[in-house]
Amino acid sequence: MDNNKNQLNSGSLDTLEVGQTLLISARQISNGKISLEFAEKITAKDRPVSALTILNASDDRFSSGARRGWATAEPVDASNAFEVNFGDDGDWYTSEKGEMMDLDILNPEFNGVRFRLQITETTEPTEWQAENVERAAKRAGKDGDYITHEGDYIFSNSDIVLLPEDQNAKHTWLTPDTERLAVKVKSTTANEEVENMM
């Protein structure tokens, strides 16, 4: 193992800044595995900014907080990667979500390479997303209308990837139908203005 830079309680969601990643917690799941929860604030330069976000900035339902991603791990491998005891004798506590461990590791890394979130939007749902469209499909704000791309629901997947410090994640963003319609209307209006001037 390399020199450990994965310090427990070195960050928090409250102080997380754009470009930083936080390994929030671990949870024991089935088959003896654990689920690791990561969070990262994705910048506007990495994704298109919705007008709804700007026009509803004071409404918590439209906040652009940290995106979340989960990775399933073998406890022994996660212990080696982060130098944290994820074994049965680790610092687990019982919660409504099951056996949990708070971590709050800022910018977690393995062998000098950072864990990052990479967002991929798609119209092809996973099995769980297809069975839970009302919870999984992208919406305009917490309880807003569903957002579509070419008439299909948009599903957003967060993958945990390892990237060197000088590389950014390659996010995939789909253009919402509302933005495509706005561009088409603007283009049509501009063409009509040109024709009227002739």
Protein backbone atom coordinates (compact mmCIF):
# COMPACT_ATOMS: atom_id res chain seq x y z
CA MET A 1 0.00 0.00 0.00
CA ASP A 2 1.14 3.52 -0.72
CA ASN A 3 1.34 6.42 1.69
CA ASN A 4 -2.25 6.74 2.95
CA LYS A 5 -3.92 9.99 1.96
CA ASN A 6 -7.42 8.65 2.68
CA GLN A 7 -8.07 10.43 5.97
CA LEU A 8 -11.30 9.74 7.84
CA ASN A 9 -13.40 12.85 8.61
CA SER A 10 -11.29 15.05 6.30
CA GLY A 11 -14.35 16.46 4.51
CA SER A 12 -18.13 16.85 4.65
CA LEU A 13 -21.08 17.42 2.34
CA ASP A 14 -21.53 20.88 3.89
CA THR A 15 -18.06 22.03 2.83
CA LEU A 16 -17.69 20.02 -0.41
CA GLU A 17 -16.53 22.21 -3.29
CA VAL A 18 -16.70 21.77 -7.04
CA GLY A 19 -13.96 19.40 -8.19
CA GLN A 20 -13.79 17.56 -4.87
CA THR A 21 -15.07 14.05 -4.23
CA LEU A 22 -16.25 12.72 -0.88
CA LEU A 23 -16.42 9.09 0.20
CA ILE A 24 -19.34 9.55 2.58
CA SER A 25 -20.05 6.16 4.10
CA ALA A 26 -20.10 2.39 3.82
CA ARG A 27 -23.09 0.10 4.32
CA GLN A 28 -23.12 -3.67 4.75
CA ILE A 29 -25.20 -5.34 2.04
CA SER A 30 -25.96 -8.92 0.99
CA ASN A 31 -23.40 -11.62 0.16
CA GLY A 32 -20.88 -10.20 2.64
CA LYS A 33 -20.23 -7.15 0.47
CA ILE A 34 -20.36 -3.45 1.30
CA SER A 35 -21.72 -0.46 -0.61
CA LEU A 36 -19.59 2.68 -0.67
CA GLU A 37 -21.37 6.03 -1.16
CA PHE A 38 -19.51 8.80 -3.00
CA ALA A 39 -20.55 12.41 -3.69
CA GLU A 40 -19.22 15.05 -6.05
CA LYS A 41 -20.41 18.47 -7.17
CA ILE A 42 -20.49 18.52 -10.95
CA THR A 43 -19.66 21.96 -12.42
CA ALA A 44 -21.72 23.89 -14.92
CA LYS A 45 -18.86 23.58 -17.43
CA ASP A 46 -19.29 19.80 -17.21
CA ARG A 47 -23.01 19.93 -17.96
CA PRO A 48 -25.58 22.21 -19.52
CA VAL A 49 -27.23 24.54 -17.01
CA SER A 50 -31.00 24.36 -16.97
CA ALA A 51 -32.86 27.68 -16.92
CA LEU A 52 -35.01 26.13 -14.18
CA THR A 53 -31.97 25.93 -11.90
CA ILE A 54 -31.27 29.66 -12.28
CA LEU A 55 -34.91 30.76 -12.10
CA ASN A 56 -35.59 28.64 -9.00
CA ALA A 57 -32.28 29.09 -7.15
CA SER A 58 -34.02 29.85 -3.82
CA ASP A 59 -36.18 26.70 -4.04
CA ASP A 60 -34.42 23.74 -2.34
CA ARG A 61 -36.10 21.31 -4.74
CA PHE A 62 -34.02 22.80 -7.57
CA SER A 63 -30.69 22.92 -5.74
CA SER A 64 -27.71 21.59 -7.62
CA GLY A 65 -26.04 19.84 -4.72
CA ALA A 66 -23.63 16.98 -4.90
CA ARG A 67 -24.37 14.05 -7.18
CA ARG A 68 -24.21 10.61 -5.58
CA GLY A 69 -22.75 7.33 -6.76
CA TRP A 70 -22.40 3.90 -5.17
CA ALA A 71 -19.83 1.16 -5.63
CA THR A 72 -20.15 -2.40 -4.35
CA ALA A 73 -16.97 -3.81 -2.81
CA GLU A 74 -15.46 -6.78 -1.04
CA PRO A 75 -14.65 -5.62 2.51
CA VAL A 76 -11.05 -6.89 2.37
CA ASP A 77 -10.35 -5.13 -0.96
CA ALA A 78 -11.93 -1.86 0.22
CA SER A 79 -9.93 -2.13 3.47
CA ASN A 80 -6.71 -2.46 1.45
CA ALA A 81 -7.64 0.39 -0.93
CA PHE A 82 -8.60 2.92 1.75
CA GLU A 83 -6.69 1.58 4.80
CA VAL A 84 -9.96 1.46 6.75
CA ASN A 85 -11.15 -1.61 8.64
CA PHE A 86 -14.32 -2.74 6.85
CA GLY A 87 -14.23 -6.13 8.59
CA ASP A 88 -16.86 -7.33 11.07
CA ASP A 89 -14.81 -5.71 13.87
CA GLY A 90 -14.81 -2.29 12.12
CA ASP A 91 -16.57 0.83 13.43
CA TRP A 92 -20.04 -0.22 12.25
CA TYR A 93 -23.21 1.08 13.87
CA THR A 94 -26.85 0.12 13.40
CA SER A 95 -29.16 2.57 11.60
CA GLU A 96 -32.48 2.46 9.76
CA LYS A 97 -30.43 1.67 6.62
CA GLY A 98 -28.67 -1.26 8.30
CA GLU A 99 -25.07 -1.56 9.45
CA MET A 100 -23.30 1.69 8.53
CA MET A 101 -19.87 3.28 8.85
CA ASP A 102 -19.32 7.04 8.48
CA LEU A 103 -16.17 7.86 6.52
CA ASP A 104 -16.17 11.43 5.10
CA ILE A 105 -12.90 10.90 3.22
CA LEU A 106 -12.15 13.93 1.04
CA ASN A 107 -10.74 13.14 -2.42
CA PRO A 108 -10.33 9.40 -1.86
CA GLU A 109 -7.59 7.81 -3.93
CA PHE A 110 -5.86 4.55 -4.71
CA ASN A 111 -2.14 4.52 -5.58
CA GLY A 112 -2.23 8.27 -6.17
CA VAL A 113 -5.23 8.15 -8.53
CA ARG A 114 -8.49 9.80 -7.47
CA PHE A 115 -11.95 8.25 -7.30
CA ARG A 116 -14.37 10.46 -9.28
CA LEU A 117 -18.00 10.39 -10.37
CA GLN A 118 -18.75 10.09 -14.08
CA ILE A 119 -22.32 10.84 -15.19
CA THR A 120 -23.90 9.10 -18.18
CA GLU A 121 -27.37 10.09 -19.28
CA THR A 122 -29.28 7.61 -21.41
CA THR A 123 -32.78 6.77 -22.60
CA GLU A 124 -32.10 3.05 -22.03
CA PRO A 125 -33.08 2.27 -18.41
CA THR A 126 -31.54 -0.42 -16.28
CA GLU A 127 -33.92 -3.12 -15.06
CA TRP A 128 -34.43 -1.28 -11.76
CA GLN A 129 -34.96 2.07 -13.53
CA ALA A 130 -37.55 0.52 -15.87
CA GLU A 131 -39.45 -0.86 -12.86
CA ASN A 132 -39.18 2.46 -10.96
CA VAL A 133 -39.61 5.14 -13.65
CA GLU A 134 -41.39 7.51 -11.25
CA ARG A 135 -38.28 7.55 -9.00
CA ALA A 136 -35.54 7.03 -11.57
CA ALA A 137 -36.40 9.26 -14.54
CA LYS A 138 -34.90 12.76 -14.67
CA ARG A 139 -37.20 15.55 -13.50
CA ALA A 140 -37.26 19.34 -13.51
CA GLY A 141 -36.70 19.77 -9.79
CA LYS A 142 -37.63 17.33 -7.05
CA ASP A 143 -41.34 17.08 -7.94
CA GLY A 144 -41.22 18.72 -11.37
CA ASP A 145 -42.20 17.43 -14.79
CA TYR A 146 -40.27 14.55 -16.32
CA ILE A 147 -37.53 15.61 -18.72
CA THR A 148 -37.35 13.77 -22.04
CA HIS A 149 -34.92 13.40 -24.94
CA GLU A 150 -36.56 12.72 -28.32
CA GLY A 151 -39.72 11.81 -26.42
CA ASP A 152 -38.05 9.24 -24.14
CA TYR A 153 -37.38 9.53 -20.41
CA ILE A 154 -33.81 10.41 -19.45
CA PHE A 155 -32.04 8.21 -16.89
CA SER A 156 -28.85 9.39 -15.21
CA ASN A 157 -26.23 6.88 -14.11
CA SER A 158 -23.30 7.73 -11.82
CA ASP A 159 -20.23 5.54 -12.23
CA ILE A 160 -17.25 5.62 -9.89
CA VAL A 161 -14.04 5.85 -11.93
CA LEU A 162 -10.34 6.30 -11.17
CA LEU A 163 -8.76 9.34 -12.85
CA PRO A 164 -5.41 11.10 -12.53
CA GLU A 165 -5.56 14.65 -11.09
CA ASP A 166 -5.04 16.23 -14.53
CA GLN A 167 -8.03 14.45 -16.12
CA ASN A 168 -11.72 15.21 -15.84
CA ALA A 169 -14.53 12.70 -16.08
CA LYS A 170 -16.14 12.33 -19.50
CA HIS A 171 -19.79 13.01 -18.74
CA THR A 172 -22.54 12.22 -21.26
CA TRP A 173 -25.44 14.71 -21.23
CA LEU A 174 -28.56 14.38 -23.37
CA THR A 175 -30.24 17.50 -24.70
CA PRO A 176 -33.71 17.80 -23.16
CA ASP A 177 -36.62 18.18 -25.57
CA THR A 178 -37.45 21.54 -23.96
CA GLU A 179 -34.02 22.93 -24.95
CA ARG A 180 -34.24 21.43 -28.46
CA LEU A 181 -37.69 23.01 -28.87
CA ALA A 182 -36.40 26.40 -27.65
CA VAL A 183 -33.55 26.31 -30.21
CA LYS A 184 -35.99 25.33 -32.97
CA VAL A 185 -38.41 28.14 -32.06
CA LYS A 186 -35.56 30.68 -31.92
CA SER A 187 -34.25 29.49 -35.29
CA THR A 188 -37.72 29.64 -36.87
CA THR A 189 -38.31 33.14 -35.45
CA ALA A 190 -34.93 34.35 -36.76
CA ASN A 191 -35.70 32.95 -40.25
CA GLU A 192 -39.12 34.65 -40.24
CA GLU A 193 -37.50 37.97 -39.26
CA VAL A 194 -35.00 37.67 -42.14
CA GLU A 195 -37.81 36.84 -44.61
CA ASN A 196 -39.88 39.82 -43.39
CA MET A 197 -36.92 42.16 -43.87
CA MET A 198 -36.54 41.14 -47.54
